[in-house]
Amino acid sequence: MARPSPYPVELRKRAVRMVAEVRSDYDTEWSAMKAVAAKLGIGSTETLRKWIRQVQVDNGARPGTTTEESAELKRLRRENAELKLANEILKAASA
């Protein structure tokens, strides 16, 4: 099971919004992300970059697996594992 994020969802949304708002004040997107990460106390600029890219995927601006698709895949994999286990139990019981 994945470790829960130390950053609340609201902080993530705020950080992504802030980068979009201050982007024009900086030469590059990376420098804007660095400034926002430092201002909000986010440990790594790379963390903020991943959040921004995921929002872009979720909005359809970038190709990739959306957050909803990832959650659905996780649920289906869990269900598949449970069904396989139930199937093995039934096989063992009938033998």
PDB file of N, CA and C in Angstrom:
ATOM      1  N   MET A   1       0.835  -1.172   0.000  1.00  0.00           N
ATOM      2  CA  MET A   1       0.000   0.000   0.000  1.00  0.00           C
ATOM      3  C   MET A   1       0.888   1.246   0.000  1.00  0.00           C
ATOM      4  N   ALA A   2       0.535   2.229  -0.787  1.00  0.00           N
ATOM      5  CA  ALA A   2       1.332   3.436  -0.914  1.00  0.00           C
ATOM      6  C   ALA A   2       1.234   4.288   0.345  1.00  0.00           C
ATOM      7  N   ARG A   3       2.296   4.975   0.603  1.00  0.00           N
ATOM      8  CA  ARG A   3       2.363   5.866   1.755  1.00  0.00           C
ATOM      9  C   ARG A   3       1.520   7.108   1.459  1.00  0.00           C
ATOM     10  N   PRO A   4       0.707   7.549   2.414  1.00  0.00           N
ATOM     11  CA  PRO A   4      -0.102   8.751   2.160  1.00  0.00           C
ATOM     12  C   PRO A   4       0.792   9.986   2.009  1.00  0.00           C
ATOM     13  N   SER A   5       0.359  10.914   1.200  1.00  0.00           N
ATOM     14  CA  SER A   5       1.127  12.123   0.945  1.00  0.00           C
ATOM     15  C   SER A   5       1.143  13.018   2.186  1.00  0.00           C
ATOM     16  N   PRO A   6       2.299  13.622   2.472  1.00  0.00           N
ATOM     17  CA  PRO A   6       2.344  14.548   3.605  1.00  0.00           C
ATOM     18  C   PRO A   6       1.719  15.900   3.268  1.00  0.00           C
ATOM     19  N   TYR A   7       1.349  16.090   1.999  1.00  0.00           N
ATOM     20  CA  TYR A   7       0.779  17.363   1.562  1.00  0.00           C
ATOM     21  C   TYR A   7      -0.726  17.216   1.342  1.00  0.00           C
ATOM     22  N   PRO A   8      -1.524  18.039   1.998  1.00  0.00           N
ATOM     23  CA  PRO A   8      -2.979  17.975   1.812  1.00  0.00           C
ATOM     24  C   PRO A   8      -3.376  18.341   0.377  1.00  0.00           C
ATOM     25  N   VAL A   9      -4.519  17.847  -0.053  1.00  0.00           N
ATOM     26  CA  VAL A   9      -5.008  18.088  -1.402  1.00  0.00           C
ATOM     27  C   VAL A   9      -5.164  19.582  -1.665  1.00  0.00           C
ATOM     28  N   GLU A  10      -5.641  20.316  -0.688  1.00  0.00           N
ATOM     29  CA  GLU A  10      -5.839  21.756  -0.868  1.00  0.00           C
ATOM     30  C   GLU A  10      -4.519  22.473  -1.126  1.00  0.00           C
ATOM     31  N   LEU A  11      -3.446  22.050  -0.457  1.00  0.00           N
ATOM     32  CA  LEU A  11      -2.132  22.645  -0.694  1.00  0.00           C
ATOM     33  C   LEU A  11      -1.672  22.356  -2.118  1.00  0.00           C
ATOM     34  N   ARG A  12      -1.910  21.142  -2.584  1.00  0.00           N
ATOM     35  CA  ARG A  12      -1.524  20.775  -3.955  1.00  0.00           C
ATOM     36  C   ARG A  12      -2.233  21.667  -4.971  1.00  0.00           C
ATOM     37  N   LYS A  13      -3.551  21.815  -4.796  1.00  0.00           N
ATOM     38  CA  LYS A  13      -4.326  22.647  -5.720  1.00  0.00           C
ATOM     39  C   LYS A  13      -3.845  24.098  -5.688  1.00  0.00           C
ATOM     40  N   ARG A  14      -3.592  24.587  -4.495  1.00  0.00           N
ATOM     41  CA  ARG A  14      -3.125  25.973  -4.343  1.00  0.00           C
ATOM     42  C   ARG A  14      -1.777  26.168  -5.023  1.00  0.00           C
ATOM     43  N   ALA A  15      -0.870  25.211  -4.852  1.00  0.00           N
ATOM     44  CA  ALA A  15       0.458  25.315  -5.452  1.00  0.00           C
ATOM     45  C   ALA A  15       0.365  25.332  -6.980  1.00  0.00           C
ATOM     46  N   VAL A  16      -0.471  24.472  -7.544  1.00  0.00           N
ATOM     47  CA  VAL A  16      -0.633  24.425  -8.998  1.00  0.00           C
ATOM     48  C   VAL A  16      -1.206  25.747  -9.501  1.00  0.00           C
ATOM     49  N   ARG A  17      -2.198  26.282  -8.795  1.00  0.00           N
ATOM     50  CA  ARG A  17      -2.783  27.575  -9.173  1.00  0.00           C
ATOM     51  C   ARG A  17      -1.751  28.690  -9.103  1.00  0.00           C
ATOM     52  N   MET A  18      -0.944  28.670  -8.044  1.00  0.00           N
ATOM     53  CA  MET A  18       0.061  29.716  -7.863  1.00  0.00           C
ATOM     54  C   MET A  18       1.089  29.704  -8.990  1.00  0.00           C
ATOM     55  N   VAL A  19       1.508  28.519  -9.412  1.00  0.00           N
ATOM     56  CA  VAL A  19       2.480  28.437 -10.502  1.00  0.00           C
ATOM     57  C   VAL A  19       1.880  29.039 -11.768  1.00  0.00           C
ATOM     58  N   ALA A  20       0.618  28.730 -12.043  1.00  0.00           N
ATOM     59  CA  ALA A  20      -0.035  29.287 -13.230  1.00  0.00           C
ATOM     60  C   ALA A  20      -0.127  30.813 -13.139  1.00  0.00           C
ATOM     61  N   GLU A  21      -0.382  31.317 -11.939  1.00  0.00           N
ATOM     62  CA  GLU A  21      -0.534  32.760 -11.756  1.00  0.00           C
ATOM     63  C   GLU A  21       0.787  33.520 -11.885  1.00  0.00           C
ATOM     64  N   VAL A  22       1.880  32.951 -11.370  1.00  0.00           N
ATOM     65  CA  VAL A  22       3.156  33.674 -11.368  1.00  0.00           C
ATOM     66  C   VAL A  22       4.082  33.290 -12.519  1.00  0.00           C
ATOM     67  N   ARG A  23       3.636  32.386 -13.368  1.00  0.00           N
ATOM     68  CA  ARG A  23       4.487  31.907 -14.465  1.00  0.00           C
ATOM     69  C   ARG A  23       5.048  33.042 -15.313  1.00  0.00           C
ATOM     70  N   SER A  24       4.250  34.048 -15.596  1.00  0.00           N
ATOM     71  CA  SER A  24       4.688  35.151 -16.460  1.00  0.00           C
ATOM     72  C   SER A  24       5.764  36.019 -15.803  1.00  0.00           C
ATOM     73  N   ASP A  25       5.920  35.926 -14.488  1.00  0.00           N
ATOM     74  CA  ASP A  25       6.923  36.717 -13.776  1.00  0.00           C
ATOM     75  C   ASP A  25       8.317  36.099 -13.847  1.00  0.00           C
ATOM     76  N   TYR A  26       8.424  34.881 -14.364  1.00  0.00           N
ATOM     77  CA  TYR A  26       9.692  34.155 -14.396  1.00  0.00           C
ATOM     78  C   TYR A  26      10.072  33.786 -15.820  1.00  0.00           C
ATOM     79  N   ASP A  27      11.366  33.567 -16.031  1.00  0.00           N
ATOM     80  CA  ASP A  27      11.875  33.212 -17.365  1.00  0.00           C
ATOM     81  C   ASP A  27      11.398  31.834 -17.805  1.00  0.00           C
ATOM     82  N   THR A  28      11.373  30.873 -16.869  1.00  0.00           N
ATOM     83  CA  THR A  28      10.989  29.501 -17.201  1.00  0.00           C
ATOM     84  C   THR A  28       9.935  28.998 -16.224  1.00  0.00           C
ATOM     85  N   GLU A  29       9.247  27.953 -16.659  1.00  0.00           N
ATOM     86  CA  GLU A  29       8.254  27.337 -15.772  1.00  0.00           C
ATOM     87  C   GLU A  29       8.947  26.740 -14.549  1.00  0.00           C
ATOM     88  N   TRP A  30      10.134  26.174 -14.753  1.00  0.00           N
ATOM     89  CA  TRP A  30      10.877  25.559 -13.659  1.00  0.00           C
ATOM     90  C   TRP A  30      11.208  26.579 -12.568  1.00  0.00           C
ATOM     91  N   SER A  31      11.632  27.778 -12.968  1.00  0.00           N
ATOM     92  CA  SER A  31      11.958  28.793 -11.960  1.00  0.00           C
ATOM     93  C   SER A  31      10.702  29.239 -11.207  1.00  0.00           C
ATOM     94  N   ALA A  32       9.567  29.287 -11.889  1.00  0.00           N
ATOM     95  CA  ALA A  32       8.304  29.607 -11.212  1.00  0.00           C
ATOM     96  C   ALA A  32       7.962  28.503 -10.214  1.00  0.00           C
ATOM     97  N   MET A  33       8.144  27.253 -10.619  1.00  0.00           N
ATOM     98  CA  MET A  33       7.863  26.129  -9.717  1.00  0.00           C
ATOM     99  C   MET A  33       8.796  26.159  -8.509  1.00  0.00           C
ATOM    100  N   LYS A  34      10.075  26.473  -8.732  1.00  0.00           N
ATOM    101  CA  LYS A  34      11.031  26.549  -7.621  1.00  0.00           C
ATOM    102  C   LYS A  34      10.605  27.606  -6.601  1.00  0.00           C
ATOM    103  N   ALA A  35      10.183  28.759  -7.102  1.00  0.00           N
ATOM    104  CA  ALA A  35       9.786  29.844  -6.210  1.00  0.00           C
ATOM    105  C   ALA A  35       8.545  29.470  -5.400  1.00  0.00           C
ATOM    106  N   VAL A  36       7.566  28.886  -6.061  1.00  0.00           N
ATOM    107  CA  VAL A  36       6.330  28.504  -5.360  1.00  0.00           C
ATOM    108  C   VAL A  36       6.608  27.384  -4.358  1.00  0.00           C
ATOM    109  N   ALA A  37       7.419  26.407  -4.755  1.00  0.00           N
ATOM    110  CA  ALA A  37       7.755  25.305  -3.846  1.00  0.00           C
ATOM    111  C   ALA A  37       8.438  25.838  -2.593  1.00  0.00           C
ATOM    112  N   ALA A  38       9.368  26.759  -2.765  1.00  0.00           N
ATOM    113  CA  ALA A  38      10.067  27.337  -1.618  1.00  0.00           C
ATOM    114  C   ALA A  38       9.102  28.141  -0.737  1.00  0.00           C
ATOM    115  N   LYS A  39       8.211  28.899  -1.372  1.00  0.00           N
ATOM    116  CA  LYS A  39       7.269  29.738  -0.629  1.00  0.00           C
ATOM    117  C   LYS A  39       6.295  28.908   0.201  1.00  0.00           C
ATOM    118  N   LEU A  40       5.865  27.758  -0.336  1.00  0.00           N
ATOM    119  CA  LEU A  40       4.880  26.928   0.355  1.00  0.00           C
ATOM    120  C   LEU A  40       5.507  25.824   1.208  1.00  0.00           C
ATOM    121  N   GLY A  41       6.832  25.712   1.180  1.00  0.00           N
ATOM    122  CA  GLY A  41       7.499  24.708   1.996  1.00  0.00           C
ATOM    123  C   GLY A  41       7.391  23.298   1.437  1.00  0.00           C
ATOM    124  N   ILE A  42       7.278  23.193   0.113  1.00  0.00           N
ATOM    125  CA  ILE A  42       7.237  21.883  -0.541  1.00  0.00           C
ATOM    126  C   ILE A  42       8.681  21.433  -0.696  1.00  0.00           C
ATOM    127  N   GLY A  43       8.989  20.248  -0.201  1.00  0.00           N
ATOM    128  CA  GLY A  43      10.362  19.770  -0.132  1.00  0.00           C
ATOM    129  C   GLY A  43      11.120  19.755  -1.442  1.00  0.00           C
ATOM    130  N   SER A  44      10.462  19.403  -2.524  1.00  0.00           N
ATOM    131  CA  SER A  44      11.155  19.263  -3.798  1.00  0.00           C
ATOM    132  C   SER A  44      10.346  19.921  -4.909  1.00  0.00           C
ATOM    133  N   THR A  45      11.056  20.612  -5.781  1.00  0.00           N
ATOM    134  CA  THR A  45      10.398  21.224  -6.933  1.00  0.00           C
ATOM    135  C   THR A  45       9.837  20.148  -7.847  1.00  0.00           C
ATOM    136  N   GLU A  46      10.500  19.003  -7.892  1.00  0.00           N
ATOM    137  CA  GLU A  46      10.041  17.885  -8.722  1.00  0.00           C
ATOM    138  C   GLU A  46       8.653  17.409  -8.279  1.00  0.00           C
ATOM    139  N   THR A  47       8.389  17.453  -7.000  1.00  0.00           N
ATOM    140  CA  THR A  47       7.068  17.078  -6.481  1.00  0.00           C
ATOM    141  C   THR A  47       6.000  17.986  -7.072  1.00  0.00           C
ATOM    142  N   LEU A  48       6.245  19.266  -7.055  1.00  0.00           N
ATOM    143  CA  LEU A  48       5.304  20.232  -7.620  1.00  0.00           C
ATOM    144  C   LEU A  48       5.159  20.027  -9.124  1.00  0.00           C
ATOM    145  N   ARG A  49       6.258  19.735  -9.816  1.00  0.00           N
ATOM    146  CA  ARG A  49       6.201  19.494 -11.255  1.00  0.00           C
ATOM    147  C   ARG A  49       5.289  18.316 -11.567  1.00  0.00           C
ATOM    148  N   LYS A  50       5.377  17.257 -10.772  1.00  0.00           N
ATOM    149  CA  LYS A  50       4.514  16.085 -10.976  1.00  0.00           C
ATOM    150  C   LYS A  50       3.042  16.441 -10.776  1.00  0.00           C
ATOM    151  N   TRP A  51       2.755  17.253  -9.773  1.00  0.00           N
ATOM    152  CA  TRP A  51       1.363  17.672  -9.536  1.00  0.00           C
ATOM    153  C   TRP A  51       0.828  18.440 -10.735  1.00  0.00           C
ATOM    154  N   ILE A  52       1.653  19.351 -11.260  1.00  0.00           N
ATOM    155  CA  ILE A  52       1.233  20.164 -12.408  1.00  0.00           C
ATOM    156  C   ILE A  52       0.994  19.275 -13.624  1.00  0.00           C
ATOM    157  N   ARG A  53       1.890  18.336 -13.877  1.00  0.00           N
ATOM    158  CA  ARG A  53       1.728  17.435 -15.030  1.00  0.00           C
ATOM    159  C   ARG A  53       0.477  16.577 -14.877  1.00  0.00           C
ATOM    160  N   GLN A  54       0.177  16.128 -13.671  1.00  0.00           N
ATOM    161  CA  GLN A  54      -1.016  15.300 -13.453  1.00  0.00           C
ATOM    162  C   GLN A  54      -2.284  16.116 -13.689  1.00  0.00           C
ATOM    163  N   VAL A  55      -2.290  17.369 -13.262  1.00  0.00           N
ATOM    164  CA  VAL A  55      -3.443  18.235 -13.523  1.00  0.00           C
ATOM    165  C   VAL A  55      -3.617  18.429 -15.020  1.00  0.00           C
ATOM    166  N   GLN A  56      -2.510  18.573 -15.746  1.00  0.00           N
ATOM    167  CA  GLN A  56      -2.584  18.725 -17.198  1.00  0.00           C
ATOM    168  C   GLN A  56      -3.145  17.465 -17.846  1.00  0.00           C
ATOM    169  N   VAL A  57      -2.768  16.298 -17.360  1.00  0.00           N
ATOM    170  CA  VAL A  57      -3.305  15.031 -17.877  1.00  0.00           C
ATOM    171  C   VAL A  57      -4.793  14.941 -17.568  1.00  0.00           C
ATOM    172  N   ASP A  58      -5.163  15.276 -16.338  1.00  0.00           N
ATOM    173  CA  ASP A  58      -6.574  15.211 -15.939  1.00  0.00           C
ATOM    174  C   ASP A  58      -7.450  16.160 -16.761  1.00  0.00           C
ATOM    175  N   ASN A  59      -6.884  17.307 -17.170  1.00  0.00           N
ATOM    176  CA  ASN A  59      -7.633  18.282 -17.963  1.00  0.00           C
ATOM    177  C   ASN A  59      -7.609  17.981 -19.455  1.00  0.00           C
ATOM    178  N   GLY A  60      -6.846  16.957 -19.860  1.00  0.00           N
ATOM    179  CA  GLY A  60      -6.784  16.583 -21.267  1.00  0.00           C
ATOM    180  C   GLY A  60      -5.760  17.372 -22.073  1.00  0.00           C
ATOM    181  N   ALA A  61      -4.969  18.198 -21.420  1.00  0.00           N
ATOM    182  CA  ALA A  61      -3.970  19.000 -22.120  1.00  0.00           C
ATOM    183  C   ALA A  61      -2.694  18.216 -22.403  1.00  0.00           C
ATOM    184  N   ARG A  62      -2.550  17.047 -21.788  1.00  0.00           N
ATOM    185  CA  ARG A  62      -1.337  16.238 -21.924  1.00  0.00           C
ATOM    186  C   ARG A  62      -1.763  14.771 -21.931  1.00  0.00           C
ATOM    187  N   PRO A  63      -1.126  13.945 -22.777  1.00  0.00           N
ATOM    188  CA  PRO A  63      -1.499  12.531 -22.785  1.00  0.00           C
ATOM    189  C   PRO A  63      -1.014  11.822 -21.512  1.00  0.00           C
ATOM    190  N   GLY A  64      -1.739  10.782 -21.124  1.00  0.00           N
ATOM    191  CA  GLY A  64      -1.360  10.014 -19.949  1.00  0.00           C
ATOM    192  C   GLY A  64      -2.572   9.426 -19.261  1.00  0.00           C
ATOM    193  N   THR A  65      -2.321   8.755 -18.155  1.00  0.00           N
ATOM    194  CA  THR A  65      -3.380   8.121 -17.380  1.00  0.00           C
ATOM    195  C   THR A  65      -3.921   9.115 -16.362  1.00  0.00           C
ATOM    196  N   THR A  66      -5.210   9.375 -16.436  1.00  0.00           N
ATOM    197  CA  THR A  66      -5.819  10.329 -15.513  1.00  0.00           C
ATOM    198  C   THR A  66      -5.912   9.741 -14.109  1.00  0.00           C
ATOM    199  N   THR A  67      -6.185  10.599 -13.157  1.00  0.00           N
ATOM    200  CA  THR A  67      -6.326  10.177 -11.769  1.00  0.00           C
ATOM    201  C   THR A  67      -7.488   9.197 -11.627  1.00  0.00           C
ATOM    202  N   GLU A  68      -8.597   9.479 -12.314  1.00  0.00           N
ATOM    203  CA  GLU A  68      -9.759   8.585 -12.263  1.00  0.00           C
ATOM    204  C   GLU A  68      -9.435   7.221 -12.858  1.00  0.00           C
ATOM    205  N   GLU A  69      -8.722   7.210 -13.988  1.00  0.00           N
ATOM    206  CA  GLU A  69      -8.351   5.941 -14.610  1.00  0.00           C
ATOM    207  C   GLU A  69      -7.436   5.133 -13.705  1.00  0.00           C
ATOM    208  N   SER A  70      -6.506   5.805 -13.042  1.00  0.00           N
ATOM    209  CA  SER A  70      -5.599   5.119 -12.116  1.00  0.00           C
ATOM    210  C   SER A  70      -6.359   4.486 -10.962  1.00  0.00           C
ATOM    211  N   ALA A  71      -7.324   5.217 -10.414  1.00  0.00           N
ATOM    212  CA  ALA A  71      -8.126   4.689  -9.310  1.00  0.00           C
ATOM    213  C   ALA A  71      -8.950   3.492  -9.770  1.00  0.00           C
ATOM    214  N   GLU A  72      -9.517   3.585 -10.978  1.00  0.00           N
ATOM    215  CA  GLU A  72     -10.308   2.479 -11.521  1.00  0.00           C
ATOM    216  C   GLU A  72      -9.435   1.244 -11.756  1.00  0.00           C
ATOM    217  N   LEU A  73      -8.239   1.438 -12.303  1.00  0.00           N
ATOM    218  CA  LEU A  73      -7.318   0.316 -12.501  1.00  0.00           C
ATOM    219  C   LEU A  73      -6.960  -0.347 -11.177  1.00  0.00           C
ATOM    220  N   LYS A  74      -6.693   0.468 -10.173  1.00  0.00           N
ATOM    221  CA  LYS A  74      -6.351  -0.065  -8.853  1.00  0.00           C
ATOM    222  C   LYS A  74      -7.500  -0.892  -8.297  1.00  0.00           C
ATOM    223  N   ARG A  75      -8.739  -0.376  -8.423  1.00  0.00           N
ATOM    224  CA  ARG A  75      -9.911  -1.088  -7.932  1.00  0.00           C
ATOM    225  C   ARG A  75     -10.102  -2.400  -8.677  1.00  0.00           C
ATOM    226  N   LEU A  76      -9.939  -2.378  -9.992  1.00  0.00           N
ATOM    227  CA  LEU A  76     -10.118  -3.590 -10.786  1.00  0.00           C
ATOM    228  C   LEU A  76      -9.049  -4.636 -10.488  1.00  0.00           C
ATOM    229  N   ARG A  77      -7.826  -4.201 -10.273  1.00  0.00           N
ATOM    230  CA  ARG A  77      -6.749  -5.148  -9.934  1.00  0.00           C
ATOM    231  C   ARG A  77      -7.021  -5.818  -8.584  1.00  0.00           C
ATOM    232  N   ARG A  78      -7.503  -5.021  -7.622  1.00  0.00           N
ATOM    233  CA  ARG A  78      -7.843  -5.571  -6.312  1.00  0.00           C
ATOM    234  C   ARG A  78      -8.978  -6.586  -6.438  1.00  0.00           C
ATOM    235  N   GLU A  79     -10.006  -6.229  -7.206  1.00  0.00           N
ATOM    236  CA  GLU A  79     -11.145  -7.125  -7.416  1.00  0.00           C
ATOM    237  C   GLU A  79     -10.702  -8.406  -8.124  1.00  0.00           C
ATOM    238  N   ASN A  80      -9.829  -8.275  -9.104  1.00  0.00           N
ATOM    239  CA  ASN A  80      -9.315  -9.434  -9.832  1.00  0.00           C
ATOM    240  C   ASN A  80      -8.559 -10.373  -8.891  1.00  0.00           C
ATOM    241  N   ALA A  81      -7.737  -9.812  -8.010  1.00  0.00           N
ATOM    242  CA  ALA A  81      -6.995 -10.636  -7.059  1.00  0.00           C
ATOM    243  C   ALA A  81      -7.940 -11.373  -6.113  1.00  0.00           C
ATOM    244  N   GLU A  82      -8.992 -10.700  -5.663  1.00  0.00           N
ATOM    245  CA  GLU A  82      -9.975 -11.327  -4.769  1.00  0.00           C
ATOM    246  C   GLU A  82     -10.702 -12.472  -5.482  1.00  0.00           C
ATOM    247  N   LEU A  83     -11.047 -12.253  -6.747  1.00  0.00           N
ATOM    248  CA  LEU A  83     -11.740 -13.291  -7.509  1.00  0.00           C
ATOM    249  C   LEU A  83     -10.836 -14.496  -7.772  1.00  0.00           C
ATOM    250  N   LYS A  84      -9.567 -14.231  -8.041  1.00  0.00           N
ATOM    251  CA  LYS A  84      -8.622 -15.340  -8.230  1.00  0.00           C
ATOM    252  C   LYS A  84      -8.494 -16.165  -6.951  1.00  0.00           C
ATOM    253  N   LEU A  85      -8.430 -15.480  -5.815  1.00  0.00           N
ATOM    254  CA  LEU A  85      -8.323 -16.177  -4.539  1.00  0.00           C
ATOM    255  C   LEU A  85      -9.575 -17.009  -4.282  1.00  0.00           C
ATOM    256  N   ALA A  86     -10.738 -16.438  -4.547  1.00  0.00           N
ATOM    257  CA  ALA A  86     -11.987 -17.174  -4.361  1.00  0.00           C
ATOM    258  C   ALA A  86     -12.041 -18.388  -5.283  1.00  0.00           C
ATOM    259  N   ASN A  87     -11.560 -18.229  -6.492  1.00  0.00           N
ATOM    260  CA  ASN A  87     -11.530 -19.319  -7.466  1.00  0.00           C
ATOM    261  C   ASN A  87     -10.610 -20.447  -6.979  1.00  0.00           C
ATOM    262  N   GLU A  88      -9.458 -20.090  -6.442  1.00  0.00           N
ATOM    263  CA  GLU A  88      -8.531 -21.109  -5.916  1.00  0.00           C
ATOM    264  C   GLU A  88      -9.157 -21.864  -4.731  1.00  0.00           C
ATOM    265  N   ILE A  89      -9.860 -21.129  -3.883  1.00  0.00           N
ATOM    266  CA  ILE A  89     -10.519 -21.771  -2.741  1.00  0.00           C
ATOM    267  C   ILE A  89     -11.582 -22.752  -3.226  1.00  0.00           C
ATOM    268  N   LEU A  90     -12.358 -22.352  -4.222  1.00  0.00           N
ATOM    269  CA  LEU A  90     -13.395 -23.249  -4.775  1.00  0.00           C
ATOM    270  C   LEU A  90     -12.788 -24.473  -5.441  1.00  0.00           C
ATOM    271  N   LYS A  91     -11.683 -24.286  -6.132  1.00  0.00           N
ATOM    272  CA  LYS A  91     -10.999 -25.418  -6.773  1.00  0.00           C
ATOM    273  C   LYS A  91     -10.513 -26.414  -5.711  1.00  0.00           C
ATOM    274  N   ALA A  92      -9.918 -25.885  -4.641  1.00  0.00           N
ATOM    275  CA  ALA A  92      -9.404 -26.736  -3.586  1.00  0.00           C
ATOM    276  C   ALA A  92     -10.559 -27.478  -2.876  1.00  0.00           C
ATOM    277  N   ALA A  93     -11.675 -26.822  -2.698  1.00  0.00           N
ATOM    278  CA  ALA A  93     -12.810 -27.428  -2.013  1.00  0.00           C
ATOM    279  C   ALA A  93     -13.452 -28.533  -2.845  1.00  0.00           C
ATOM    280  N   SER A  94     -13.441 -28.381  -4.159  1.00  0.00           N
ATOM    281  CA  SER A  94     -14.085 -29.379  -5.021  1.00  0.00           C
ATOM    282  C   SER A  94     -13.188 -30.585  -5.280  1.00  0.00           C
ATOM    283  N   ALA A  95     -11.903 -30.460  -5.019  1.00  0.00           N
ATOM    284  CA  ALA A  95     -10.988 -31.562  -5.281  1.00  0.00           C
ATOM    285  C   ALA A  95     -10.974 -32.596  -4.172  1.00  0.00           C
TER     286      ALA A  95
END
